Amino acid sequence: MEILTFDQLPKAVSELLEKVSKIEGILSDDHSRETEADNLFSIKQASAFLNLSISTIYGKVCRREIPVSKQGKRLYFNKTELLDWIRAGRKSTLAEIANTVKLIPSRRTQRS
């Protein structure tokens, strides 16, 4: 390691900042690619994630019941879309249904 003089410090700091910026750029690009790749599932990964057999998933794809992207002969499943699909199938509890019914005015009170 070379010893820097006081006059050389501004140039050295400038070079270091450039190198750090380049490293940050490379790391953020790699991270964004990994994040996008982590969100895509193959049919085997989707099968494991949803705890459904591959044939069941093929059936749902065929009936257009499950969100899917197709590129060539391959199927890709987006993790976020699968989670939204699961949440959309949520059944209301009896308490939630009762609360909804209480909020709807009855027909008898509307006729009066």
PDB file of N, CA and C in Angstrom:
ATOM      1  N   MET A   1       0.843  -1.166   0.000  1.00  0.00           N
ATOM      2  CA  MET A   1       0.000   0.000   0.000  1.00  0.00           C
ATOM      3  C   MET A   1       0.896   1.238   0.000  1.00  0.00           C
ATOM      4  N   GLU A   2       0.597   2.131  -0.916  1.00  0.00           N
ATOM      5  CA  GLU A   2       1.426   3.329  -1.007  1.00  0.00           C
ATOM      6  C   GLU A   2       0.951   4.387  -0.017  1.00  0.00           C
ATOM      7  N   ILE A   3       1.861   5.193   0.409  1.00  0.00           N
ATOM      8  CA  ILE A   3       1.549   6.264   1.342  1.00  0.00           C
ATOM      9  C   ILE A   3       1.196   7.510   0.524  1.00  0.00           C
ATOM     10  N   LEU A   4       0.053   8.103   0.853  1.00  0.00           N
ATOM     11  CA  LEU A   4      -0.417   9.272   0.130  1.00  0.00           C
ATOM     12  C   LEU A   4      -0.030  10.544   0.862  1.00  0.00           C
ATOM     13  N   THR A   5       0.248  11.559   0.076  1.00  0.00           N
ATOM     14  CA  THR A   5       0.519  12.867   0.672  1.00  0.00           C
ATOM     15  C   THR A   5      -0.803  13.609   0.799  1.00  0.00           C
ATOM     16  N   PHE A   6      -0.779  14.695   1.512  1.00  0.00           N
ATOM     17  CA  PHE A   6      -1.985  15.495   1.713  1.00  0.00           C
ATOM     18  C   PHE A   6      -2.520  16.018   0.381  1.00  0.00           C
ATOM     19  N   ASP A   7      -1.645  16.362  -0.522  1.00  0.00           N
ATOM     20  CA  ASP A   7      -2.046  16.888  -1.835  1.00  0.00           C
ATOM     21  C   ASP A   7      -2.700  15.805  -2.702  1.00  0.00           C
ATOM     22  N   GLN A   8      -2.388  14.544  -2.471  1.00  0.00           N
ATOM     23  CA  GLN A   8      -2.938  13.449  -3.275  1.00  0.00           C
ATOM     24  C   GLN A   8      -4.299  12.950  -2.758  1.00  0.00           C
ATOM     25  N   LEU A   9      -4.674  13.354  -1.555  1.00  0.00           N
ATOM     26  CA  LEU A   9      -5.915  12.862  -0.941  1.00  0.00           C
ATOM     27  C   LEU A   9      -7.178  13.179  -1.756  1.00  0.00           C
ATOM     28  N   PRO A  10      -7.379  14.395  -2.249  1.00  0.00           N
ATOM     29  CA  PRO A  10      -8.615  14.654  -3.008  1.00  0.00           C
ATOM     30  C   PRO A  10      -8.769  13.736  -4.225  1.00  0.00           C
ATOM     31  N   LYS A  11      -7.667  13.503  -4.944  1.00  0.00           N
ATOM     32  CA  LYS A  11      -7.726  12.635  -6.119  1.00  0.00           C
ATOM     33  C   LYS A  11      -8.020  11.190  -5.689  1.00  0.00           C
ATOM     34  N   ALA A  12      -7.408  10.731  -4.622  1.00  0.00           N
ATOM     35  CA  ALA A  12      -7.617   9.364  -4.135  1.00  0.00           C
ATOM     36  C   ALA A  12      -9.065   9.173  -3.674  1.00  0.00           C
ATOM     37  N   VAL A  13      -9.607  10.162  -2.977  1.00  0.00           N
ATOM     38  CA  VAL A  13     -10.986  10.071  -2.512  1.00  0.00           C
ATOM     39  C   VAL A  13     -11.937  10.051  -3.702  1.00  0.00           C
ATOM     40  N   SER A  14     -11.669  10.853  -4.701  1.00  0.00           N
ATOM     41  CA  SER A  14     -12.485  10.887  -5.908  1.00  0.00           C
ATOM     42  C   SER A  14     -12.488   9.524  -6.605  1.00  0.00           C
ATOM     43  N   GLU A  15     -11.326   8.896  -6.735  1.00  0.00           N
ATOM     44  CA  GLU A  15     -11.231   7.576  -7.358  1.00  0.00           C
ATOM     45  C   GLU A  15     -11.991   6.527  -6.545  1.00  0.00           C
ATOM     46  N   LEU A  16     -11.863   6.625  -5.230  1.00  0.00           N
ATOM     47  CA  LEU A  16     -12.582   5.688  -4.365  1.00  0.00           C
ATOM     48  C   LEU A  16     -14.101   5.831  -4.516  1.00  0.00           C
ATOM     49  N   LEU A  17     -14.574   7.075  -4.587  1.00  0.00           N
ATOM     50  CA  LEU A  17     -16.003   7.301  -4.754  1.00  0.00           C
ATOM     51  C   LEU A  17     -16.504   6.740  -6.085  1.00  0.00           C
ATOM     52  N   GLU A  18     -15.720   6.885  -7.142  1.00  0.00           N
ATOM     53  CA  GLU A  18     -16.091   6.327  -8.446  1.00  0.00           C
ATOM     54  C   GLU A  18     -16.193   4.806  -8.371  1.00  0.00           C
ATOM     55  N   LYS A  19     -15.201   4.193  -7.741  1.00  0.00           N
ATOM     56  CA  LYS A  19     -15.192   2.737  -7.629  1.00  0.00           C
ATOM     57  C   LYS A  19     -16.371   2.239  -6.797  1.00  0.00           C
ATOM     58  N   VAL A  20     -16.674   2.916  -5.704  1.00  0.00           N
ATOM     59  CA  VAL A  20     -17.803   2.530  -4.854  1.00  0.00           C
ATOM     60  C   VAL A  20     -19.112   2.667  -5.627  1.00  0.00           C
ATOM     61  N   SER A  21     -19.244   3.728  -6.419  1.00  0.00           N
ATOM     62  CA  SER A  21     -20.455   3.919  -7.228  1.00  0.00           C
ATOM     63  C   SER A  21     -20.616   2.791  -8.239  1.00  0.00           C
ATOM     64  N   LYS A  22     -19.515   2.394  -8.874  1.00  0.00           N
ATOM     65  CA  LYS A  22     -19.570   1.290  -9.836  1.00  0.00           C
ATOM     66  C   LYS A  22     -19.981  -0.013  -9.148  1.00  0.00           C
ATOM     67  N   ILE A  23     -19.410  -0.263  -7.986  1.00  0.00           N
ATOM     68  CA  ILE A  23     -19.729  -1.481  -7.232  1.00  0.00           C
ATOM     69  C   ILE A  23     -21.206  -1.478  -6.827  1.00  0.00           C
ATOM     70  N   GLU A  24     -21.702  -0.327  -6.356  1.00  0.00           N
ATOM     71  CA  GLU A  24     -23.117  -0.236  -5.981  1.00  0.00           C
ATOM     72  C   GLU A  24     -24.019  -0.500  -7.180  1.00  0.00           C
ATOM     73  N   GLY A  25     -23.649   0.038  -8.338  1.00  0.00           N
ATOM     74  CA  GLY A  25     -24.432  -0.188  -9.552  1.00  0.00           C
ATOM     75  C   GLY A  25     -24.477  -1.653  -9.927  1.00  0.00           C
ATOM     76  N   ILE A  26     -23.345  -2.308  -9.872  1.00  0.00           N
ATOM     77  CA  ILE A  26     -23.282  -3.732 -10.201  1.00  0.00           C
ATOM     78  C   ILE A  26     -24.120  -4.545  -9.216  1.00  0.00           C
ATOM     79  N   LEU A  27     -23.996  -4.245  -7.939  1.00  0.00           N
ATOM     80  CA  LEU A  27     -24.745  -4.983  -6.924  1.00  0.00           C
ATOM     81  C   LEU A  27     -26.246  -4.766  -7.054  1.00  0.00           C
ATOM     82  N   SER A  28     -26.670  -3.544  -7.328  1.00  0.00           N
ATOM     83  CA  SER A  28     -28.110  -3.290  -7.448  1.00  0.00           C
ATOM     84  C   SER A  28     -28.668  -3.965  -8.694  1.00  0.00           C
ATOM     85  N   ASP A  29     -27.903  -4.016  -9.801  1.00  0.00           N
ATOM     86  CA  ASP A  29     -28.351  -4.722 -10.999  1.00  0.00           C
ATOM     87  C   ASP A  29     -28.494  -6.210 -10.727  1.00  0.00           C
ATOM     88  N   ASP A  30     -27.506  -6.789 -10.062  1.00  0.00           N
ATOM     89  CA  ASP A  30     -27.563  -8.219  -9.740  1.00  0.00           C
ATOM     90  C   ASP A  30     -28.730  -8.513  -8.808  1.00  0.00           C
ATOM     91  N   HIS A  31     -28.959  -7.631  -7.830  1.00  0.00           N
ATOM     92  CA  HIS A  31     -30.038  -7.842  -6.865  1.00  0.00           C
ATOM     93  C   HIS A  31     -31.396  -7.766  -7.554  1.00  0.00           C
ATOM     94  N   SER A  32     -31.573  -6.804  -8.461  1.00  0.00           N
ATOM     95  CA  SER A  32     -32.865  -6.689  -9.141  1.00  0.00           C
ATOM     96  C   SER A  32     -33.112  -7.893 -10.040  1.00  0.00           C
ATOM     97  N   ARG A  33     -32.078  -8.407 -10.689  1.00  0.00           N
ATOM     98  CA  ARG A  33     -32.241  -9.610 -11.512  1.00  0.00           C
ATOM     99  C   ARG A  33     -32.610 -10.804 -10.645  1.00  0.00           C
ATOM    100  N   GLU A  34     -31.956 -10.927  -9.489  1.00  0.00           N
ATOM    101  CA  GLU A  34     -32.254 -12.035  -8.585  1.00  0.00           C
ATOM    102  C   GLU A  34     -33.678 -11.927  -8.063  1.00  0.00           C
ATOM    103  N   THR A  35     -34.116 -10.711  -7.746  1.00  0.00           N
ATOM    104  CA  THR A  35     -35.464 -10.516  -7.229  1.00  0.00           C
ATOM    105  C   THR A  35     -36.487 -10.906  -8.275  1.00  0.00           C
ATOM    106  N   GLU A  36     -36.284 -10.498  -9.526  1.00  0.00           N
ATOM    107  CA  GLU A  36     -37.210 -10.870 -10.592  1.00  0.00           C
ATOM    108  C   GLU A  36     -37.216 -12.380 -10.791  1.00  0.00           C
ATOM    109  N   ALA A  37     -36.045 -12.981 -10.771  1.00  0.00           N
ATOM    110  CA  ALA A  37     -35.954 -14.427 -10.972  1.00  0.00           C
ATOM    111  C   ALA A  37     -36.573 -15.178  -9.797  1.00  0.00           C
ATOM    112  N   ASP A  38     -36.435 -14.635  -8.594  1.00  0.00           N
ATOM    113  CA  ASP A  38     -37.010 -15.286  -7.416  1.00  0.00           C
ATOM    114  C   ASP A  38     -38.532 -15.273  -7.458  1.00  0.00           C
ATOM    115  N   ASN A  39     -39.119 -14.318  -8.165  1.00  0.00           N
ATOM    116  CA  ASN A  39     -40.568 -14.221  -8.232  1.00  0.00           C
ATOM    117  C   ASN A  39     -41.180 -15.146  -9.272  1.00  0.00           C
ATOM    118  N   LEU A  40     -40.372 -15.726 -10.148  1.00  0.00           N
ATOM    119  CA  LEU A  40     -40.894 -16.626 -11.167  1.00  0.00           C
ATOM    120  C   LEU A  40     -40.686 -18.082 -10.755  1.00  0.00           C
ATOM    121  N   PHE A  41     -41.752 -18.864 -10.898  1.00  0.00           N
ATOM    122  CA  PHE A  41     -41.691 -20.283 -10.574  1.00  0.00           C
ATOM    123  C   PHE A  41     -41.878 -21.111 -11.832  1.00  0.00           C
ATOM    124  N   SER A  42     -41.192 -22.217 -11.889  1.00  0.00           N
ATOM    125  CA  SER A  42     -41.492 -23.232 -12.903  1.00  0.00           C
ATOM    126  C   SER A  42     -42.716 -23.990 -12.406  1.00  0.00           C
ATOM    127  N   ILE A  43     -43.208 -24.902 -13.199  1.00  0.00           N
ATOM    128  CA  ILE A  43     -44.394 -25.651 -12.763  1.00  0.00           C
ATOM    129  C   ILE A  43     -44.081 -26.529 -11.547  1.00  0.00           C
ATOM    130  N   LYS A  44     -42.862 -27.040 -11.477  1.00  0.00           N
ATOM    131  CA  LYS A  44     -42.480 -27.853 -10.308  1.00  0.00           C
ATOM    132  C   LYS A  44     -42.434 -26.993  -9.051  1.00  0.00           C
ATOM    133  N   GLN A  45     -41.851 -25.788  -9.176  1.00  0.00           N
ATOM    134  CA  GLN A  45     -41.776 -24.897  -8.027  1.00  0.00           C
ATOM    135  C   GLN A  45     -43.168 -24.428  -7.608  1.00  0.00           C
ATOM    136  N   ALA A  46     -44.024 -24.128  -8.594  1.00  0.00           N
ATOM    137  CA  ALA A  46     -45.392 -23.716  -8.284  1.00  0.00           C
ATOM    138  C   ALA A  46     -46.141 -24.853  -7.602  1.00  0.00           C
ATOM    139  N   SER A  47     -45.902 -26.074  -8.057  1.00  0.00           N
ATOM    140  CA  SER A  47     -46.527 -27.246  -7.450  1.00  0.00           C
ATOM    141  C   SER A  47     -46.147 -27.360  -5.976  1.00  0.00           C
ATOM    142  N   ALA A  48     -44.870 -27.186  -5.691  1.00  0.00           N
ATOM    143  CA  ALA A  48     -44.411 -27.264  -4.301  1.00  0.00           C
ATOM    144  C   ALA A  48     -44.951 -26.091  -3.484  1.00  0.00           C
ATOM    145  N   PHE A  49     -44.952 -24.904  -4.064  1.00  0.00           N
ATOM    146  CA  PHE A  49     -45.412 -23.697  -3.376  1.00  0.00           C
ATOM    147  C   PHE A  49     -46.898 -23.792  -3.024  1.00  0.00           C
ATOM    148  N   LEU A  50     -47.702 -24.292  -3.971  1.00  0.00           N
ATOM    149  CA  LEU A  50     -49.148 -24.383  -3.763  1.00  0.00           C
ATOM    150  C   LEU A  50     -49.584 -25.686  -3.113  1.00  0.00           C
ATOM    151  N   ASN A  51     -48.650 -26.625  -2.993  1.00  0.00           N
ATOM    152  CA  ASN A  51     -48.949 -27.949  -2.461  1.00  0.00           C
ATOM    153  C   ASN A  51     -50.042 -28.635  -3.284  1.00  0.00           C
ATOM    154  N   LEU A  52     -49.903 -28.517  -4.612  1.00  0.00           N
ATOM    155  CA  LEU A  52     -50.807 -29.171  -5.555  1.00  0.00           C
ATOM    156  C   LEU A  52     -49.974 -30.037  -6.483  1.00  0.00           C
ATOM    157  N   SER A  53     -50.578 -31.086  -7.011  1.00  0.00           N
ATOM    158  CA  SER A  53     -49.842 -31.927  -7.958  1.00  0.00           C
ATOM    159  C   SER A  53     -49.664 -31.174  -9.273  1.00  0.00           C
ATOM    160  N   ILE A  54     -48.662 -31.580 -10.025  1.00  0.00           N
ATOM    161  CA  ILE A  54     -48.388 -30.944 -11.312  1.00  0.00           C
ATOM    162  C   ILE A  54     -49.581 -31.126 -12.244  1.00  0.00           C
ATOM    163  N   SER A  55     -50.205 -32.304 -12.225  1.00  0.00           N
ATOM    164  CA  SER A  55     -51.354 -32.528 -13.106  1.00  0.00           C
ATOM    165  C   SER A  55     -52.532 -31.625 -12.727  1.00  0.00           C
ATOM    166  N   THR A  56     -52.707 -31.362 -11.437  1.00  0.00           N
ATOM    167  CA  THR A  56     -53.766 -30.448 -11.001  1.00  0.00           C
ATOM    168  C   THR A  56     -53.493 -29.042 -11.518  1.00  0.00           C
ATOM    169  N   ILE A  57     -52.242 -28.630 -11.458  1.00  0.00           N
ATOM    170  CA  ILE A  57     -51.887 -27.299 -11.957  1.00  0.00           C
ATOM    171  C   ILE A  57     -52.112 -27.217 -13.464  1.00  0.00           C
ATOM    172  N   TYR A  58     -51.714 -28.256 -14.209  1.00  0.00           N
ATOM    173  CA  TYR A  58     -51.972 -28.270 -15.654  1.00  0.00           C
ATOM    174  C   TYR A  58     -53.468 -28.135 -15.938  1.00  0.00           C
ATOM    175  N   GLY A  59     -54.288 -28.817 -15.158  1.00  0.00           N
ATOM    176  CA  GLY A  59     -55.740 -28.728 -15.323  1.00  0.00           C
ATOM    177  C   GLY A  59     -56.252 -27.319 -15.083  1.00  0.00           C
ATOM    178  N   LYS A  60     -55.754 -26.682 -14.025  1.00  0.00           N
ATOM    179  CA  LYS A  60     -56.166 -25.319 -13.712  1.00  0.00           C
ATOM    180  C   LYS A  60     -55.700 -24.341 -14.790  1.00  0.00           C
ATOM    181  N   VAL A  61     -54.512 -24.582 -15.338  1.00  0.00           N
ATOM    182  CA  VAL A  61     -54.009 -23.744 -16.426  1.00  0.00           C
ATOM    183  C   VAL A  61     -54.908 -23.904 -17.649  1.00  0.00           C
ATOM    184  N   CYS A  62     -55.259 -25.126 -17.960  1.00  0.00           N
ATOM    185  CA  CYS A  62     -56.098 -25.429 -19.122  1.00  0.00           C
ATOM    186  C   CYS A  62     -57.476 -24.769 -18.992  1.00  0.00           C
ATOM    187  N   ARG A  63     -58.017 -24.754 -17.775  1.00  0.00           N
ATOM    188  CA  ARG A  63     -59.329 -24.146 -17.523  1.00  0.00           C
ATOM    189  C   ARG A  63     -59.223 -22.653 -17.215  1.00  0.00           C
ATOM    190  N   ARG A  64     -58.012 -22.120 -17.293  1.00  0.00           N
ATOM    191  CA  ARG A  64     -57.724 -20.704 -17.018  1.00  0.00           C
ATOM    192  C   ARG A  64     -58.183 -20.282 -15.624  1.00  0.00           C
ATOM    193  N   GLU A  65     -57.936 -21.132 -14.661  1.00  0.00           N
ATOM    194  CA  GLU A  65     -58.300 -20.856 -13.276  1.00  0.00           C
ATOM    195  C   GLU A  65     -57.151 -20.263 -12.481  1.00  0.00           C
ATOM    196  N   ILE A  66     -55.951 -20.332 -13.007  1.00  0.00           N
ATOM    197  CA  ILE A  66     -54.760 -19.915 -12.269  1.00  0.00           C
ATOM    198  C   ILE A  66     -53.937 -18.975 -13.158  1.00  0.00           C
ATOM    199  N   PRO A  67     -53.365 -17.911 -12.591  1.00  0.00           N
ATOM    200  CA  PRO A  67     -52.573 -16.992 -13.414  1.00  0.00           C
ATOM    201  C   PRO A  67     -51.262 -17.631 -13.865  1.00  0.00           C
ATOM    202  N   VAL A  68     -50.965 -17.526 -15.150  1.00  0.00           N
ATOM    203  CA  VAL A  68     -49.774 -18.171 -15.704  1.00  0.00           C
ATOM    204  C   VAL A  68     -49.268 -17.363 -16.889  1.00  0.00           C
ATOM    205  N   SER A  69     -47.979 -17.456 -17.148  1.00  0.00           N
ATOM    206  CA  SER A  69     -47.369 -16.898 -18.356  1.00  0.00           C
ATOM    207  C   SER A  69     -46.755 -18.053 -19.124  1.00  0.00           C
ATOM    208  N   LYS A  70     -46.881 -17.991 -20.434  1.00  0.00           N
ATOM    209  CA  LYS A  70     -46.345 -19.072 -21.250  1.00  0.00           C
ATOM    210  C   LYS A  70     -45.351 -18.483 -22.238  1.00  0.00           C
ATOM    211  N   GLN A  71     -44.171 -19.054 -22.275  1.00  0.00           N
ATOM    212  CA  GLN A  71     -43.131 -18.668 -23.219  1.00  0.00           C
ATOM    213  C   GLN A  71     -42.692 -19.934 -23.924  1.00  0.00           C
ATOM    214  N   GLY A  72     -43.059 -20.056 -25.183  1.00  0.00           N
ATOM    215  CA  GLY A  72     -42.763 -21.297 -25.886  1.00  0.00           C
ATOM    216  C   GLY A  72     -43.597 -22.411 -25.294  1.00  0.00           C
ATOM    217  N   LYS A  73     -42.947 -23.477 -24.913  1.00  0.00           N
ATOM    218  CA  LYS A  73     -43.655 -24.610 -24.300  1.00  0.00           C
ATOM    219  C   LYS A  73     -43.595 -24.580 -22.778  1.00  0.00           C
ATOM    220  N   ARG A  74     -42.957 -23.583 -22.240  1.00  0.00           N
ATOM    221  CA  ARG A  74     -42.764 -23.519 -20.787  1.00  0.00           C
ATOM    222  C   ARG A  74     -43.797 -22.621 -20.120  1.00  0.00           C
ATOM    223  N   LEU A  75     -44.196 -23.031 -18.919  1.00  0.00           N
ATOM    224  CA  LEU A  75     -45.120 -22.247 -18.110  1.00  0.00           C
ATOM    225  C   LEU A  75     -44.348 -21.587 -16.971  1.00  0.00           C
ATOM    226  N   TYR A  76     -44.683 -20.338 -16.706  1.00  0.00           N
ATOM    227  CA  TYR A  76     -44.060 -19.596 -15.610  1.00  0.00           C
ATOM    228  C   TYR A  76     -45.160 -19.005 -14.736  1.00  0.00           C
ATOM    229  N   PHE A  77     -44.926 -19.084 -13.448  1.00  0.00           N
ATOM    230  CA  PHE A  77     -45.890 -18.595 -12.477  1.00  0.00           C
ATOM    231  C   PHE A  77     -45.231 -17.510 -11.641  1.00  0.00           C
ATOM    232  N   ASN A  78     -45.899 -16.363 -11.520  1.00  0.00           N
ATOM    233  CA  ASN A  78     -45.396 -15.255 -10.717  1.00  0.00           C
ATOM    234  C   ASN A  78     -45.851 -15.461  -9.273  1.00  0.00           C
ATOM    235  N   LYS A  79     -44.920 -15.401  -8.358  1.00  0.00           N
ATOM    236  CA  LYS A  79     -45.220 -15.664  -6.946  1.00  0.00           C
ATOM    237  C   LYS A  79     -46.280 -14.700  -6.413  1.00  0.00           C
ATOM    238  N   THR A  80     -46.162 -13.424  -6.744  1.00  0.00           N
ATOM    239  CA  THR A  80     -47.123 -12.429  -6.266  1.00  0.00           C
ATOM    240  C   THR A  80     -48.520 -12.723  -6.810  1.00  0.00           C
ATOM    241  N   GLU A  81     -48.592 -13.077  -8.106  1.00  0.00           N
ATOM    242  CA  GLU A  81     -49.888 -13.398  -8.693  1.00  0.00           C
ATOM    243  C   GLU A  81     -50.496 -14.647  -8.052  1.00  0.00           C
ATOM    244  N   LEU A  82     -49.663 -15.620  -7.744  1.00  0.00           N
ATOM    245  CA  LEU A  82     -50.174 -16.827  -7.080  1.00  0.00           C
ATOM    246  C   LEU A  82     -50.711 -16.502  -5.686  1.00  0.00           C
ATOM    247  N   LEU A  83     -50.003 -15.652  -4.957  1.00  0.00           N
ATOM    248  CA  LEU A  83     -50.475 -15.260  -3.625  1.00  0.00           C
ATOM    249  C   LEU A  83     -51.797 -14.504  -3.725  1.00  0.00           C
ATOM    250  N   ASP A  84     -51.912 -13.604  -4.715  1.00  0.00           N
ATOM    251  CA  ASP A  84     -53.172 -12.875  -4.919  1.00  0.00           C
ATOM    252  C   ASP A  84     -54.295 -13.842  -5.282  1.00  0.00           C
ATOM    253  N   TRP A  85     -53.984 -14.843  -6.098  1.00  0.00           N
ATOM    254  CA  TRP A  85     -54.965 -15.841  -6.505  1.00  0.00           C
ATOM    255  C   TRP A  85     -55.455 -16.628  -5.287  1.00  0.00           C
ATOM    256  N   ILE A  86     -54.538 -16.977  -4.417  1.00  0.00           N
ATOM    257  CA  ILE A  86     -54.904 -17.713  -3.195  1.00  0.00           C
ATOM    258  C   ILE A  86     -55.804 -16.837  -2.321  1.00  0.00           C
ATOM    259  N   ARG A  87     -55.422 -15.581  -2.149  1.00  0.00           N
ATOM    260  CA  ARG A  87     -56.209 -14.670  -1.305  1.00  0.00           C
ATOM    261  C   ARG A  87     -57.592 -14.409  -1.877  1.00  0.00           C
ATOM    262  N   ALA A  88     -57.717 -14.401  -3.200  1.00  0.00           N
ATOM    263  CA  ALA A  88     -59.009 -14.158  -3.839  1.00  0.00           C
ATOM    264  C   ALA A  88     -59.991 -15.289  -3.555  1.00  0.00           C
ATOM    265  N   GLY A  89     -59.495 -16.453  -3.243  1.00  0.00           N
ATOM    266  CA  GLY A  89     -60.357 -17.592  -2.957  1.00  0.00           C
ATOM    267  C   GLY A  89     -60.757 -17.705  -1.503  1.00  0.00           C
ATOM    268  N   ARG A  90     -60.427 -16.706  -0.709  1.00  0.00           N
ATOM    269  CA  ARG A  90     -60.715 -16.746   0.721  1.00  0.00           C
ATOM    270  C   ARG A  90     -62.218 -16.722   0.964  1.00  0.00           C
ATOM    271  N   LYS A  91     -62.667 -17.588   1.862  1.00  0.00           N
ATOM    272  CA  LYS A  91     -64.075 -17.656   2.249  1.00  0.00           C
ATOM    273  C   LYS A  91     -64.290 -16.802   3.488  1.00  0.00           C
ATOM    274  N   SER A  92     -65.394 -16.097   3.517  1.00  0.00           N
ATOM    275  CA  SER A  92     -65.720 -15.259   4.670  1.00  0.00           C
ATOM    276  C   SER A  92     -66.141 -16.120   5.858  1.00  0.00           C
ATOM    277  N   THR A  93     -65.826 -15.651   7.046  1.00  0.00           N
ATOM    278  CA  THR A  93     -66.248 -16.361   8.252  1.00  0.00           C
ATOM    279  C   THR A  93     -67.716 -16.040   8.529  1.00  0.00           C
ATOM    280  N   LEU A  94     -68.332 -16.808   9.389  1.00  0.00           N
ATOM    281  CA  LEU A  94     -69.726 -16.546   9.750  1.00  0.00           C
ATOM    282  C   LEU A  94     -69.886 -15.176  10.399  1.00  0.00           C
ATOM    283  N   ALA A  95     -68.908 -14.779  11.199  1.00  0.00           N
ATOM    284  CA  ALA A  95     -68.966 -13.465  11.849  1.00  0.00           C
ATOM    285  C   ALA A  95     -68.905 -12.349  10.801  1.00  0.00           C
ATOM    286  N   GLU A  96     -68.052 -12.502   9.786  1.00  0.00           N
ATOM    287  CA  GLU A  96     -67.960 -11.492   8.729  1.00  0.00           C
ATOM    288  C   GLU A  96     -69.261 -11.412   7.937  1.00  0.00           C
ATOM    289  N   ILE A  97     -69.874 -12.567   7.670  1.00  0.00           N
ATOM    290  CA  ILE A  97     -71.145 -12.586   6.946  1.00  0.00           C
ATOM    291  C   ILE A  97     -72.232 -11.919   7.785  1.00  0.00           C
ATOM    292  N   ALA A  98     -72.249 -12.207   9.077  1.00  0.00           N
ATOM    293  CA  ALA A  98     -73.244 -11.607   9.970  1.00  0.00           C
ATOM    294  C   ALA A  98     -73.079 -10.093  10.013  1.00  0.00           C
ATOM    295  N   ASN A  99     -71.857  -9.620  10.070  1.00  0.00           N
ATOM    296  CA  ASN A  99     -71.617  -8.170  10.077  1.00  0.00           C
ATOM    297  C   ASN A  99     -72.077  -7.535   8.777  1.00  0.00           C
ATOM    298  N   THR A 100     -71.872  -8.216   7.670  1.00  0.00           N
ATOM    299  CA  THR A 100     -72.306  -7.702   6.376  1.00  0.00           C
ATOM    300  C   THR A 100     -73.825  -7.625   6.322  1.00  0.00           C
ATOM    301  N   VAL A 101     -74.488  -8.644   6.845  1.00  0.00           N
ATOM    302  CA  VAL A 101     -75.953  -8.673   6.840  1.00  0.00           C
ATOM    303  C   VAL A 101     -76.499  -7.550   7.708  1.00  0.00           C
ATOM    304  N   LYS A 102     -75.866  -7.262   8.829  1.00  0.00           N
ATOM    305  CA  LYS A 102     -76.315  -6.187   9.717  1.00  0.00           C
ATOM    306  C   LYS A 102     -76.216  -4.829   9.032  1.00  0.00           C
ATOM    307  N   LEU A 103     -75.248  -4.665   8.145  1.00  0.00           N
ATOM    308  CA  LEU A 103     -75.052  -3.382   7.465  1.00  0.00           C
ATOM    309  C   LEU A 103     -76.062  -3.156   6.347  1.00  0.00           C
ATOM    310  N   ILE A 104     -76.676  -4.224   5.835  1.00  0.00           N
ATOM    311  CA  ILE A 104     -77.657  -4.106   4.750  1.00  0.00           C
ATOM    312  C   ILE A 104     -79.023  -3.833   5.362  1.00  0.00           C
ATOM    313  N   PRO A 105     -79.675  -2.748   4.948  1.00  0.00           N
ATOM    314  CA  PRO A 105     -81.007  -2.479   5.509  1.00  0.00           C
ATOM    315  C   PRO A 105     -81.992  -3.552   5.042  1.00  0.00           C
ATOM    316  N   SER A 106     -82.876  -3.947   5.932  1.00  0.00           N
ATOM    317  CA  SER A 106     -83.833  -4.992   5.564  1.00  0.00           C
ATOM    318  C   SER A 106     -84.881  -4.421   4.629  1.00  0.00           C
ATOM    319  N   ARG A 107     -85.553  -5.294   3.882  1.00  0.00           N
ATOM    320  CA  ARG A 107     -86.571  -4.874   2.921  1.00  0.00           C
ATOM    321  C   ARG A 107     -87.830  -4.354   3.630  1.00  0.00           C
ATOM    322  N   ARG A 108     -88.117  -4.913   4.814  1.00  0.00           N
ATOM    323  CA  ARG A 108     -89.297  -4.474   5.550  1.00  0.00           C
ATOM    324  C   ARG A 108     -89.189  -2.994   5.920  1.00  0.00           C
ATOM    325  N   THR A 109     -87.997  -2.562   6.360  1.00  0.00           N
ATOM    326  CA  THR A 109     -87.847  -1.156   6.744  1.00  0.00           C
ATOM    327  C   THR A 109     -87.867  -0.252   5.527  1.00  0.00           C
ATOM    328  N   GLN A 110     -87.504  -0.758   4.374  1.00  0.00           N
ATOM    329  CA  GLN A 110     -87.507   0.057   3.162  1.00  0.00           C
ATOM    330  C   GLN A 110     -88.933   0.273   2.664  1.00  0.00           C
ATOM    331  N   ARG A 111     -89.854  -0.706   2.852  1.00  0.00           N
ATOM    332  CA  ARG A 111     -91.232  -0.597   2.367  1.00  0.00           C
ATOM    333  C   ARG A 111     -92.068   0.341   3.221  1.00  0.00           C
ATOM    334  N   SER A 112     -91.715   0.480   4.472  1.00  0.00           N
ATOM    335  CA  SER A 112     -92.526   1.279   5.393  1.00  0.00           C
ATOM    336  C   SER A 112     -92.514   2.731   5.062  1.00  0.00           C
TER     337      SER A 112
END
